[in-house]
């Protein structure tokens, strides 16, 4: 299980996606730019949660959530 966060800032992402990160990711957004999603077994579940709360363009970080990253 890991703690997952969503990056509210989409300006760095050319697709305008909100990236989902596990708490240990080196690309974690600042405290001001993140939303706690919860504890999940994998990035796919975390991205599903992000979409369920209204972040429809959520996508997994390529580094820490490759299983949930759209290619």
C-alpha atoms as a PDB file:
ATOM      1  CA  UNK A   1       0.000   0.000   0.000  1.00  0.00           C
ATOM      2  CA  UNK A   2       1.170   3.489  -0.758  1.00  0.00           C
ATOM      3  CA  UNK A   3      -0.009   7.038  -0.182  1.00  0.00           C
ATOM      4  CA  UNK A   4      -1.024   8.691  -3.446  1.00  0.00           C
ATOM      5  CA  UNK A   5      -1.338  12.344  -4.375  1.00  0.00           C
ATOM      6  CA  UNK A   6      -2.655  14.257  -7.353  1.00  0.00           C
ATOM      7  CA  UNK A   7      -0.826  17.244  -8.794  1.00  0.00           C
ATOM      8  CA  UNK A   8      -3.314  20.131  -9.160  1.00  0.00           C
ATOM      9  CA  UNK A   9      -0.879  22.092 -11.353  1.00  0.00           C
ATOM     10  CA  UNK A  10      -1.184  21.066 -14.993  1.00  0.00           C
ATOM     11  CA  UNK A  11       1.040  23.817 -16.448  1.00  0.00           C
ATOM     12  CA  UNK A  12       4.065  21.510 -16.674  1.00  0.00           C
ATOM     13  CA  UNK A  13       2.151  18.846 -18.585  1.00  0.00           C
ATOM     14  CA  UNK A  14       1.683  19.425 -22.343  1.00  0.00           C
ATOM     15  CA  UNK A  15      -1.505  17.314 -22.311  1.00  0.00           C
ATOM     16  CA  UNK A  16      -3.033  19.225 -19.404  1.00  0.00           C
ATOM     17  CA  UNK A  17      -3.270  16.044 -17.322  1.00  0.00           C
ATOM     18  CA  UNK A  18      -3.217  15.961 -13.532  1.00  0.00           C
ATOM     19  CA  UNK A  19      -0.455  13.522 -12.649  1.00  0.00           C
ATOM     20  CA  UNK A  20      -0.880  11.033  -9.819  1.00  0.00           C
ATOM     21  CA  UNK A  21       2.194  10.281  -7.699  1.00  0.00           C
ATOM     22  CA  UNK A  22       3.069   7.897  -4.883  1.00  0.00           C
ATOM     23  CA  UNK A  23       4.451   9.732  -1.837  1.00  0.00           C
ATOM     24  CA  UNK A  24       8.005   8.500  -2.449  1.00  0.00           C
ATOM     25  CA  UNK A  25       8.216   9.882  -6.000  1.00  0.00           C
ATOM     26  CA  UNK A  26      11.050  12.292  -6.788  1.00  0.00           C
ATOM     27  CA  UNK A  27       8.529  14.342  -8.828  1.00  0.00           C
ATOM     28  CA  UNK A  28       6.076  14.954  -5.983  1.00  0.00           C
ATOM     29  CA  UNK A  29       4.315  18.310  -6.314  1.00  0.00           C
ATOM     30  CA  UNK A  30       4.659  20.957  -3.621  1.00  0.00           C
ATOM     31  CA  UNK A  31       2.305  20.813  -0.656  1.00  0.00           C
ATOM     32  CA  UNK A  32       0.302  23.688  -2.142  1.00  0.00           C
ATOM     33  CA  UNK A  33      -0.216  21.871  -5.457  1.00  0.00           C
ATOM     34  CA  UNK A  34      -1.305  18.437  -4.336  1.00  0.00           C
ATOM     35  CA  UNK A  35      -4.436  16.622  -3.254  1.00  0.00           C
ATOM     36  CA  UNK A  36      -4.244  13.532  -1.051  1.00  0.00           C
ATOM     37  CA  UNK A  37      -6.073  10.676  -2.765  1.00  0.00           C
ATOM     38  CA  UNK A  38      -5.635   7.945  -0.176  1.00  0.00           C
ATOM     39  CA  UNK A  39      -3.879   4.619   0.361  1.00  0.00           C
ATOM     40  CA  UNK A  40      -3.922   2.235  -2.586  1.00  0.00           C
ATOM     41  CA  UNK A  41      -2.233  -0.944  -3.744  1.00  0.00           C
ATOM     42  CA  UNK A  42      -1.275   0.564  -7.099  1.00  0.00           C
ATOM     43  CA  UNK A  43      -1.418   3.624  -9.311  1.00  0.00           C
ATOM     44  CA  UNK A  44      -4.385   2.362 -11.304  1.00  0.00           C
ATOM     45  CA  UNK A  45      -6.593   2.484  -8.215  1.00  0.00           C
ATOM     46  CA  UNK A  46      -5.288   5.945  -7.335  1.00  0.00           C
ATOM     47  CA  UNK A  47      -6.027   7.301 -10.825  1.00  0.00           C
ATOM     48  CA  UNK A  48      -9.534   5.824 -10.621  1.00  0.00           C
ATOM     49  CA  UNK A  49     -10.041   7.675  -7.326  1.00  0.00           C
ATOM     50  CA  UNK A  50      -8.789  10.942  -8.839  1.00  0.00           C
ATOM     51  CA  UNK A  51     -11.296  10.597 -11.683  1.00  0.00           C
ATOM     52  CA  UNK A  52     -14.073   9.730  -9.223  1.00  0.00           C
ATOM     53  CA  UNK A  53     -13.545  13.040  -7.403  1.00  0.00           C
ATOM     54  CA  UNK A  54     -13.627  15.082 -10.598  1.00  0.00           C
ATOM     55  CA  UNK A  55     -10.095  15.095 -11.999  1.00  0.00           C
ATOM     56  CA  UNK A  56     -11.144  13.470 -15.266  1.00  0.00           C
ATOM     57  CA  UNK A  57      -7.770  14.033 -16.932  1.00  0.00           C
ATOM     58  CA  UNK A  58      -5.822  12.247 -14.191  1.00  0.00           C
ATOM     59  CA  UNK A  59      -2.893  10.131 -15.358  1.00  0.00           C
ATOM     60  CA  UNK A  60      -0.232   8.132 -13.556  1.00  0.00           C
ATOM     61  CA  UNK A  61       3.293   9.516 -13.310  1.00  0.00           C
ATOM     62  CA  UNK A  62       5.584   7.756 -15.797  1.00  0.00           C
ATOM     63  CA  UNK A  63       8.230   7.360 -13.062  1.00  0.00           C
ATOM     64  CA  UNK A  64       6.320   6.155 -10.020  1.00  0.00           C
ATOM     65  CA  UNK A  65       3.021   4.873 -11.511  1.00  0.00           C
ATOM     66  CA  UNK A  66       3.978   3.425 -14.900  1.00  0.00           C
ATOM     67  CA  UNK A  67       1.142   0.909 -14.705  1.00  0.00           C
ATOM     68  CA  UNK A  68      -1.334   3.838 -14.748  1.00  0.00           C
ATOM     69  CA  UNK A  69       0.509   6.046 -17.244  1.00  0.00           C
ATOM     70  CA  UNK A  70      -1.211   6.427 -20.611  1.00  0.00           C
ATOM     71  CA  UNK A  71       1.193   5.913 -23.418  1.00  0.00           C
END
